[in-house]
């Protein structure tokens, strides 16, 4: 019988696979580890369940990655606005 380390090993592994897949797919083509990515997709499909599907993991990871990326941009907007206003006055 397999022993779980965290009590939610499969969930954490699937989540990590989804993050890795998205990260690899977003890299420029010449830097993508295509065979690794394909193997990760197979593992994710194998480990997914009826309730926690491949689409679930991928969408959650994609949403989170994009949310973090765009929140950093939004954080810069006030500084950019101040810079534009300053240049307009000069």
PDB file of N, CA and C in Angstrom:
ATOM      1  N   UNK A   1       0.834  -1.178   0.000  1.00  0.00           N
ATOM      2  CA  UNK A   1       0.000   0.000   0.000  1.00  0.00           C
ATOM      3  C   UNK A   1       0.885   1.250   0.000  1.00  0.00           C
ATOM      4  N   UNK A   2       0.530   2.238  -0.862  1.00  0.00           N
ATOM      5  CA  UNK A   2       1.293   3.480  -0.925  1.00  0.00           C
ATOM      6  C   UNK A   2       1.049   4.334   0.309  1.00  0.00           C
ATOM      7  N   UNK A   3       2.091   5.000   0.722  1.00  0.00           N
ATOM      8  CA  UNK A   3       1.982   5.891   1.863  1.00  0.00           C
ATOM      9  C   UNK A   3       2.018   7.329   1.375  1.00  0.00           C
ATOM     10  N   UNK A   4       1.064   8.124   1.785  1.00  0.00           N
ATOM     11  CA  UNK A   4       1.011   9.529   1.410  1.00  0.00           C
ATOM     12  C   UNK A   4       1.902  10.342   2.339  1.00  0.00           C
ATOM     13  N   UNK A   5       2.630  11.246   1.776  1.00  0.00           N
ATOM     14  CA  UNK A   5       3.512  12.100   2.563  1.00  0.00           C
ATOM     15  C   UNK A   5       2.730  13.274   3.143  1.00  0.00           C
ATOM     16  N   UNK A   6       1.866  13.880   2.328  1.00  0.00           N
ATOM     17  CA  UNK A   6       1.166  15.096   2.757  1.00  0.00           C
ATOM     18  C   UNK A   6      -0.324  14.886   2.995  1.00  0.00           C
ATOM     19  N   UNK A   7      -0.840  13.764   2.549  1.00  0.00           N
ATOM     20  CA  UNK A   7      -2.280  13.544   2.606  1.00  0.00           C
ATOM     21  C   UNK A   7      -2.982  14.043   1.359  1.00  0.00           C
ATOM     22  N   UNK A   8      -2.239  14.745   0.525  1.00  0.00           N
ATOM     23  CA  UNK A   8      -2.795  15.238  -0.736  1.00  0.00           C
ATOM     24  C   UNK A   8      -1.721  15.257  -1.822  1.00  0.00           C
ATOM     25  N   UNK A   9      -0.902  14.228  -1.808  1.00  0.00           N
ATOM     26  CA  UNK A   9       0.230  14.129  -2.733  1.00  0.00           C
ATOM     27  C   UNK A   9      -0.182  14.276  -4.194  1.00  0.00           C
ATOM     28  N   UNK A  10      -1.206  13.548  -4.609  1.00  0.00           N
ATOM     29  CA  UNK A  10      -1.617  13.574  -6.008  1.00  0.00           C
ATOM     30  C   UNK A  10      -2.051  14.974  -6.422  1.00  0.00           C
ATOM     31  N   UNK A  11      -2.804  15.653  -5.572  1.00  0.00           N
ATOM     32  CA  UNK A  11      -3.249  17.013  -5.872  1.00  0.00           C
ATOM     33  C   UNK A  11      -2.054  17.940  -6.076  1.00  0.00           C
ATOM     34  N   UNK A  12      -1.087  17.883  -5.180  1.00  0.00           N
ATOM     35  CA  UNK A  12       0.078  18.757  -5.255  1.00  0.00           C
ATOM     36  C   UNK A  12       0.919  18.440  -6.495  1.00  0.00           C
ATOM     37  N   UNK A  13       1.091  17.176  -6.795  1.00  0.00           N
ATOM     38  CA  UNK A  13       1.865  16.774  -7.973  1.00  0.00           C
ATOM     39  C   UNK A  13       1.162  17.235  -9.243  1.00  0.00           C
ATOM     40  N   UNK A  14      -0.153  17.060  -9.316  1.00  0.00           N
ATOM     41  CA  UNK A  14      -0.905  17.496 -10.502  1.00  0.00           C
ATOM     42  C   UNK A  14      -0.817  19.012 -10.675  1.00  0.00           C
ATOM     43  N   UNK A  15      -0.907  19.722  -9.580  1.00  0.00           N
ATOM     44  CA  UNK A  15      -0.811  21.180  -9.632  1.00  0.00           C
ATOM     45  C   UNK A  15       0.573  21.601 -10.137  1.00  0.00           C
ATOM     46  N   UNK A  16       1.609  20.969  -9.627  1.00  0.00           N
ATOM     47  CA  UNK A  16       2.977  21.281 -10.056  1.00  0.00           C
ATOM     48  C   UNK A  16       3.171  20.950 -11.534  1.00  0.00           C
ATOM     49  N   UNK A  17       2.612  19.841 -11.979  1.00  0.00           N
ATOM     50  CA  UNK A  17       2.706  19.479 -13.387  1.00  0.00           C
ATOM     51  C   UNK A  17       2.034  20.529 -14.265  1.00  0.00           C
ATOM     52  N   UNK A  18       0.873  20.990 -13.868  1.00  0.00           N
ATOM     53  CA  UNK A  18       0.151  22.003 -14.651  1.00  0.00           C
ATOM     54  C   UNK A  18       0.972  23.292 -14.749  1.00  0.00           C
ATOM     55  N   UNK A  19       1.540  23.742 -13.637  1.00  0.00           N
ATOM     56  CA  UNK A  19       2.385  24.934 -13.660  1.00  0.00           C
ATOM     57  C   UNK A  19       3.570  24.736 -14.603  1.00  0.00           C
ATOM     58  N   UNK A  20       4.207  23.586 -14.510  1.00  0.00           N
ATOM     59  CA  UNK A  20       5.374  23.304 -15.350  1.00  0.00           C
ATOM     60  C   UNK A  20       4.997  23.263 -16.827  1.00  0.00           C
ATOM     61  N   UNK A  21       3.889  22.617 -17.157  1.00  0.00           N
ATOM     62  CA  UNK A  21       3.440  22.517 -18.546  1.00  0.00           C
ATOM     63  C   UNK A  21       3.208  23.910 -19.131  1.00  0.00           C
ATOM     64  N   UNK A  22       2.490  24.734 -18.407  1.00  0.00           N
ATOM     65  CA  UNK A  22       2.194  26.087 -18.895  1.00  0.00           C
ATOM     66  C   UNK A  22       3.479  26.888 -19.063  1.00  0.00           C
ATOM     67  N   UNK A  23       4.374  26.779 -18.097  1.00  0.00           N
ATOM     68  CA  UNK A  23       5.638  27.514 -18.170  1.00  0.00           C
ATOM     69  C   UNK A  23       6.449  27.084 -19.377  1.00  0.00           C
ATOM     70  N   UNK A  24       6.539  25.797 -19.617  1.00  0.00           N
ATOM     71  CA  UNK A  24       7.285  25.294 -20.773  1.00  0.00           C
ATOM     72  C   UNK A  24       6.621  25.743 -22.069  1.00  0.00           C
ATOM     73  N   UNK A  25       5.306  25.639 -22.140  1.00  0.00           N
ATOM     74  CA  UNK A  25       4.596  26.010 -23.374  1.00  0.00           C
ATOM     75  C   UNK A  25       4.721  27.494 -23.692  1.00  0.00           C
ATOM     76  N   UNK A  26       4.961  28.320 -22.718  1.00  0.00           N
ATOM     77  CA  UNK A  26       5.072  29.766 -22.937  1.00  0.00           C
ATOM     78  C   UNK A  26       6.494  30.203 -23.279  1.00  0.00           C
ATOM     79  N   UNK A  27       7.421  29.303 -23.217  1.00  0.00           N
ATOM     80  CA  UNK A  27       8.802  29.641 -23.568  1.00  0.00           C
ATOM     81  C   UNK A  27       8.937  29.734 -25.077  1.00  0.00           C
ATOM     82  N   UNK A  28       9.915  30.495 -25.567  1.00  0.00           N
ATOM     83  CA  UNK A  28      10.154  30.508 -27.016  1.00  0.00           C
ATOM     84  C   UNK A  28      10.398  29.080 -27.510  1.00  0.00           C
ATOM     85  N   UNK A  29       9.940  28.793 -28.708  1.00  0.00           N
ATOM     86  CA  UNK A  29       9.968  27.426 -29.236  1.00  0.00           C
ATOM     87  C   UNK A  29      11.337  26.760 -29.093  1.00  0.00           C
ATOM     88  N   UNK A  30      12.395  27.491 -29.398  1.00  0.00           N
ATOM     89  CA  UNK A  30      13.733  26.884 -29.382  1.00  0.00           C
ATOM     90  C   UNK A  30      14.205  26.511 -27.975  1.00  0.00           C
ATOM     91  N   UNK A  31      13.528  27.001 -26.941  1.00  0.00           N
ATOM     92  CA  UNK A  31      13.914  26.698 -25.562  1.00  0.00           C
ATOM     93  C   UNK A  31      12.949  25.745 -24.855  1.00  0.00           C
ATOM     94  N   UNK A  32      11.947  25.276 -25.561  1.00  0.00           N
ATOM     95  CA  UNK A  32      10.963  24.376 -24.941  1.00  0.00           C
ATOM     96  C   UNK A  32      11.517  22.961 -24.818  1.00  0.00           C
ATOM     97  N   UNK A  33      11.262  22.358 -23.684  1.00  0.00           N
ATOM     98  CA  UNK A  33      11.613  20.947 -23.487  1.00  0.00           C
ATOM     99  C   UNK A  33      10.383  20.131 -23.883  1.00  0.00           C
ATOM    100  N   UNK A  34      10.204  19.941 -25.173  1.00  0.00           N
ATOM    101  CA  UNK A  34       8.981  19.349 -25.704  1.00  0.00           C
ATOM    102  C   UNK A  34       8.743  17.933 -25.195  1.00  0.00           C
ATOM    103  N   UNK A  35       9.764  17.113 -25.171  1.00  0.00           N
ATOM    104  CA  UNK A  35       9.553  15.726 -24.727  1.00  0.00           C
ATOM    105  C   UNK A  35       9.194  15.682 -23.240  1.00  0.00           C
ATOM    106  N   UNK A  36       9.821  16.532 -22.446  1.00  0.00           N
ATOM    107  CA  UNK A  36       9.461  16.607 -21.020  1.00  0.00           C
ATOM    108  C   UNK A  36       8.016  17.063 -20.859  1.00  0.00           C
ATOM    109  N   UNK A  37       7.647  18.075 -21.612  1.00  0.00           N
ATOM    110  CA  UNK A  37       6.290  18.612 -21.533  1.00  0.00           C
ATOM    111  C   UNK A  37       5.262  17.544 -21.929  1.00  0.00           C
ATOM    112  N   UNK A  38       5.553  16.815 -22.981  1.00  0.00           N
ATOM    113  CA  UNK A  38       4.643  15.739 -23.411  1.00  0.00           C
ATOM    114  C   UNK A  38       4.511  14.666 -22.337  1.00  0.00           C
ATOM    115  N   UNK A  39       5.619  14.314 -21.695  1.00  0.00           N
ATOM    116  CA  UNK A  39       5.569  13.319 -20.613  1.00  0.00           C
ATOM    117  C   UNK A  39       4.782  13.856 -19.415  1.00  0.00           C
ATOM    118  N   UNK A  40       4.960  15.135 -19.113  1.00  0.00           N
ATOM    119  CA  UNK A  40       4.211  15.750 -18.012  1.00  0.00           C
ATOM    120  C   UNK A  40       2.713  15.727 -18.291  1.00  0.00           C
ATOM    121  N   UNK A  41       2.339  15.974 -19.537  1.00  0.00           N
ATOM    122  CA  UNK A  41       0.920  15.931 -19.913  1.00  0.00           C
ATOM    123  C   UNK A  41       0.355  14.518 -19.722  1.00  0.00           C
ATOM    124  N   UNK A  42       1.144  13.503 -20.082  1.00  0.00           N
ATOM    125  CA  UNK A  42       0.708  12.114 -19.895  1.00  0.00           C
ATOM    126  C   UNK A  42       0.539  11.793 -18.409  1.00  0.00           C
ATOM    127  N   UNK A  43       1.507  12.237 -17.596  1.00  0.00           N
ATOM    128  CA  UNK A  43       1.418  12.016 -16.146  1.00  0.00           C
ATOM    129  C   UNK A  43       0.200  12.717 -15.554  1.00  0.00           C
ATOM    130  N   UNK A  44      -0.032  13.950 -15.957  1.00  0.00           N
ATOM    131  CA  UNK A  44      -1.170  14.703 -15.444  1.00  0.00           C
ATOM    132  C   UNK A  44      -2.477  14.010 -15.809  1.00  0.00           C
ATOM    133  N   UNK A  45      -2.564  13.542 -17.029  1.00  0.00           N
ATOM    134  CA  UNK A  45      -3.779  12.832 -17.458  1.00  0.00           C
ATOM    135  C   UNK A  45      -3.965  11.558 -16.638  1.00  0.00           C
ATOM    136  N   UNK A  46      -2.888  10.851 -16.406  1.00  0.00           N
ATOM    137  CA  UNK A  46      -2.943   9.595 -15.641  1.00  0.00           C
ATOM    138  C   UNK A  46      -3.354   9.830 -14.187  1.00  0.00           C
ATOM    139  N   UNK A  47      -2.879  10.914 -13.601  1.00  0.00           N
ATOM    140  CA  UNK A  47      -3.129  11.188 -12.184  1.00  0.00           C
ATOM    141  C   UNK A  47      -4.444  11.916 -11.925  1.00  0.00           C
ATOM    142  N   UNK A  48      -5.000  12.545 -12.961  1.00  0.00           N
ATOM    143  CA  UNK A  48      -6.249  13.293 -12.792  1.00  0.00           C
ATOM    144  C   UNK A  48      -7.405  12.354 -12.496  1.00  0.00           C
ATOM    145  N   UNK A  49      -8.443  12.925 -11.900  1.00  0.00           N
ATOM    146  CA  UNK A  49      -9.620  12.148 -11.557  1.00  0.00           C
ATOM    147  C   UNK A  49     -10.843  12.733 -12.255  1.00  0.00           C
ATOM    148  N   UNK A  50     -11.963  12.100 -12.047  1.00  0.00           N
ATOM    149  CA  UNK A  50     -13.215  12.583 -12.636  1.00  0.00           C
ATOM    150  C   UNK A  50     -13.576  13.961 -12.087  1.00  0.00           C
ATOM    151  N   UNK A  51     -13.305  14.189 -10.817  1.00  0.00           N
ATOM    152  CA  UNK A  51     -13.628  15.474 -10.193  1.00  0.00           C
ATOM    153  C   UNK A  51     -12.551  16.533 -10.404  1.00  0.00           C
ATOM    154  N   UNK A  52     -11.307  16.118 -10.359  1.00  0.00           N
ATOM    155  CA  UNK A  52     -10.188  17.036 -10.564  1.00  0.00           C
ATOM    156  C   UNK A  52      -9.516  16.675 -11.883  1.00  0.00           C
ATOM    157  N   UNK A  53     -10.033  17.263 -12.953  1.00  0.00           N
ATOM    158  CA  UNK A  53      -9.625  16.899 -14.307  1.00  0.00           C
ATOM    159  C   UNK A  53      -8.376  17.669 -14.744  1.00  0.00           C
ATOM    160  N   UNK A  54      -7.829  17.247 -15.877  1.00  0.00           N
ATOM    161  CA  UNK A  54      -6.698  17.945 -16.483  1.00  0.00           C
ATOM    162  C   UNK A  54      -7.082  19.407 -16.713  1.00  0.00           C
ATOM    163  N   UNK A  55      -8.273  19.625 -17.256  1.00  0.00           N
ATOM    164  CA  UNK A  55      -8.729  20.998 -17.521  1.00  0.00           C
ATOM    165  C   UNK A  55      -8.777  21.826 -16.242  1.00  0.00           C
ATOM    166  N   UNK A  56      -9.225  21.231 -15.154  1.00  0.00           N
ATOM    167  CA  UNK A  56      -9.268  21.945 -13.873  1.00  0.00           C
ATOM    168  C   UNK A  56      -7.873  22.416 -13.474  1.00  0.00           C
ATOM    169  N   UNK A  57      -6.920  21.494 -13.461  1.00  0.00           N
ATOM    170  CA  UNK A  57      -5.566  21.851 -13.048  1.00  0.00           C
ATOM    171  C   UNK A  57      -4.954  22.899 -13.971  1.00  0.00           C
ATOM    172  N   UNK A  58      -5.144  22.728 -15.281  1.00  0.00           N
ATOM    173  CA  UNK A  58      -4.566  23.654 -16.247  1.00  0.00           C
ATOM    174  C   UNK A  58      -5.182  25.046 -16.123  1.00  0.00           C
ATOM    175  N   UNK A  59      -6.484  25.114 -15.993  1.00  0.00           N
ATOM    176  CA  UNK A  59      -7.153  26.420 -15.874  1.00  0.00           C
ATOM    177  C   UNK A  59      -6.765  27.129 -14.580  1.00  0.00           C
ATOM    178  N   UNK A  60      -6.699  26.386 -13.488  1.00  0.00           N
ATOM    179  CA  UNK A  60      -6.298  26.987 -12.214  1.00  0.00           C
ATOM    180  C   UNK A  60      -4.871  27.524 -12.284  1.00  0.00           C
ATOM    181  N   UNK A  61      -3.976  26.749 -12.839  1.00  0.00           N
ATOM    182  CA  UNK A  61      -2.579  27.188 -12.951  1.00  0.00           C
ATOM    183  C   UNK A  61      -2.475  28.385 -13.896  1.00  0.00           C
ATOM    184  N   UNK A  62      -3.144  28.311 -15.025  1.00  0.00           N
ATOM    185  CA  UNK A  62      -3.120  29.403 -16.008  1.00  0.00           C
ATOM    186  C   UNK A  62      -3.667  30.695 -15.383  1.00  0.00           C
ATOM    187  N   UNK A  63      -4.781  30.577 -14.694  1.00  0.00           N
ATOM    188  CA  UNK A  63      -5.400  31.741 -14.059  1.00  0.00           C
ATOM    189  C   UNK A  63      -4.447  32.351 -13.028  1.00  0.00           C
ATOM    190  N   UNK A  64      -3.837  31.502 -12.227  1.00  0.00           N
ATOM    191  CA  UNK A  64      -2.945  31.995 -11.188  1.00  0.00           C
ATOM    192  C   UNK A  64      -1.700  32.652 -11.780  1.00  0.00           C
ATOM    193  N   UNK A  65      -1.107  32.025 -12.768  1.00  0.00           N
ATOM    194  CA  UNK A  65       0.089  32.589 -13.406  1.00  0.00           C
ATOM    195  C   UNK A  65      -0.242  33.942 -14.038  1.00  0.00           C
ATOM    196  N   UNK A  66      -1.360  34.014 -14.751  1.00  0.00           N
ATOM    197  CA  UNK A  66      -1.752  35.270 -15.395  1.00  0.00           C
ATOM    198  C   UNK A  66      -2.120  36.330 -14.362  1.00  0.00           C
ATOM    199  N   UNK A  67      -2.755  35.918 -13.290  1.00  0.00           N
ATOM    200  CA  UNK A  67      -3.131  36.851 -12.223  1.00  0.00           C
ATOM    201  C   UNK A  67      -1.890  37.486 -11.609  1.00  0.00           C
ATOM    202  N   UNK A  68      -0.890  36.705 -11.351  1.00  0.00           N
ATOM    203  CA  UNK A  68       0.352  37.220 -10.769  1.00  0.00           C
ATOM    204  C   UNK A  68       1.050  38.128 -11.769  1.00  0.00           C
ATOM    205  N   UNK A  69       1.114  37.704 -13.028  1.00  0.00           N
ATOM    206  CA  UNK A  69       1.781  38.494 -14.066  1.00  0.00           C
ATOM    207  C   UNK A  69       1.109  39.851 -14.213  1.00  0.00           C
ATOM    208  N   UNK A  70      -0.216  39.866 -14.299  1.00  0.00           N
ATOM    209  CA  UNK A  70      -0.924  41.118 -14.514  1.00  0.00           C
ATOM    210  C   UNK A  70      -1.012  41.963 -13.253  1.00  0.00           C
ATOM    211  N   UNK A  71      -0.982  41.355 -12.086  1.00  0.00           N
ATOM    212  CA  UNK A  71      -1.001  42.161 -10.865  1.00  0.00           C
ATOM    213  C   UNK A  71       0.289  42.968 -10.757  1.00  0.00           C
ATOM    214  N   UNK A  72       1.396  42.423 -11.236  1.00  0.00           N
ATOM    215  CA  UNK A  72       2.651  43.173 -11.232  1.00  0.00           C
ATOM    216  C   UNK A  72       2.553  44.381 -12.156  1.00  0.00           C
ATOM    217  N   UNK A  73       1.896  44.224 -13.291  1.00  0.00           N
ATOM    218  CA  UNK A  73       1.715  45.337 -14.215  1.00  0.00           C
ATOM    219  C   UNK A  73       0.835  46.403 -13.576  1.00  0.00           C
ATOM    220  N   UNK A  74      -0.249  45.978 -12.954  1.00  0.00           N
ATOM    221  CA  UNK A  74      -1.159  46.922 -12.307  1.00  0.00           C
ATOM    222  C   UNK A  74      -0.438  47.684 -11.200  1.00  0.00           C
ATOM    223  N   UNK A  75       0.451  47.028 -10.483  1.00  0.00           N
ATOM    224  CA  UNK A  75       1.216  47.694  -9.434  1.00  0.00           C
ATOM    225  C   UNK A  75       2.092  48.808 -10.002  1.00  0.00           C
ATOM    226  N   UNK A  76       2.518  48.669 -11.247  1.00  0.00           N
ATOM    227  CA  UNK A  76       3.376  49.677 -11.864  1.00  0.00           C
ATOM    228  C   UNK A  76       2.598  50.862 -12.424  1.00  0.00           C
ATOM    229  N   UNK A  77       1.298  50.706 -12.646  1.00  0.00           N
ATOM    230  CA  UNK A  77       0.521  51.750 -13.307  1.00  0.00           C
ATOM    231  C   UNK A  77       0.581  53.108 -12.604  1.00  0.00           C
ATOM    232  N   UNK A  78       0.439  53.194 -11.281  1.00  0.00           N
ATOM    233  CA  UNK A  78       0.523  54.514 -10.651  1.00  0.00           C
ATOM    234  C   UNK A  78       1.868  55.197 -10.923  1.00  0.00           C
ATOM    235  N   UNK A  79       2.946  54.448 -10.871  1.00  0.00           N
ATOM    236  CA  UNK A  79       4.268  55.023 -11.131  1.00  0.00           C
ATOM    237  C   UNK A  79       4.376  55.487 -12.575  1.00  0.00           C
ATOM    238  N   UNK A  80       3.826  54.722 -13.510  1.00  0.00           N
ATOM    239  CA  UNK A  80       3.847  55.111 -14.914  1.00  0.00           C
ATOM    240  C   UNK A  80       3.020  56.368 -15.136  1.00  0.00           C
ATOM    241  N   UNK A  81       1.874  56.440 -14.487  1.00  0.00           N
ATOM    242  CA  UNK A  81       1.016  57.622 -14.616  1.00  0.00           C
ATOM    243  C   UNK A  81       1.752  58.851 -14.102  1.00  0.00           C
ATOM    244  N   UNK A  82       2.418  58.741 -12.959  1.00  0.00           N
ATOM    245  CA  UNK A  82       3.180  59.864 -12.410  1.00  0.00           C
ATOM    246  C   UNK A  82       4.281  60.305 -13.371  1.00  0.00           C
ATOM    247  N   UNK A  83       4.952  59.333 -13.986  1.00  0.00           N
ATOM    248  CA  UNK A  83       6.020  59.637 -14.933  1.00  0.00           C
ATOM    249  C   UNK A  83       5.469  60.372 -16.156  1.00  0.00           C
ATOM    250  N   UNK A  84       4.370  59.898 -16.690  1.00  0.00           N
ATOM    251  CA  UNK A  84       3.751  60.522 -17.862  1.00  0.00           C
ATOM    252  C   UNK A  84       3.289  61.933 -17.511  1.00  0.00           C
ATOM    253  N   UNK A  85       2.646  62.102 -16.351  1.00  0.00           N
ATOM    254  CA  UNK A  85       2.207  63.432 -15.917  1.00  0.00           C
ATOM    255  C   UNK A  85       3.393  64.387 -15.760  1.00  0.00           C
ATOM    256  N   UNK A  86       4.484  63.886 -15.203  1.00  0.00           N
ATOM    257  CA  UNK A  86       5.690  64.709 -14.999  1.00  0.00           C
ATOM    258  C   UNK A  86       6.268  65.148 -16.339  1.00  0.00           C
ATOM    259  N   UNK A  87       6.346  64.220 -17.301  1.00  0.00           N
ATOM    260  CA  UNK A  87       6.891  64.548 -18.614  1.00  0.00           C
ATOM    261  C   UNK A  87       5.972  65.518 -19.352  1.00  0.00           C
ATOM    262  N   UNK A  88       4.660  65.394 -19.161  1.00  0.00           N
ATOM    263  CA  UNK A  88       3.708  66.277 -19.834  1.00  0.00           C
ATOM    264  C   UNK A  88       3.847  67.716 -19.336  1.00  0.00           C
ATOM    265  N   UNK A  89       4.216  67.873 -18.072  1.00  0.00           N
ATOM    266  CA  UNK A  89       4.372  69.211 -17.493  1.00  0.00           C
ATOM    267  C   UNK A  89       5.643  69.886 -17.948  1.00  0.00           C
ATOM    268  N   UNK A  90       6.638  69.102 -18.322  1.00  0.00           N
ATOM    269  CA  UNK A  90       7.953  69.660 -18.703  1.00  0.00           C
ATOM    270  C   UNK A  90       7.986  70.219 -20.081  1.00  0.00           C
TER     271      UNK A  90
END
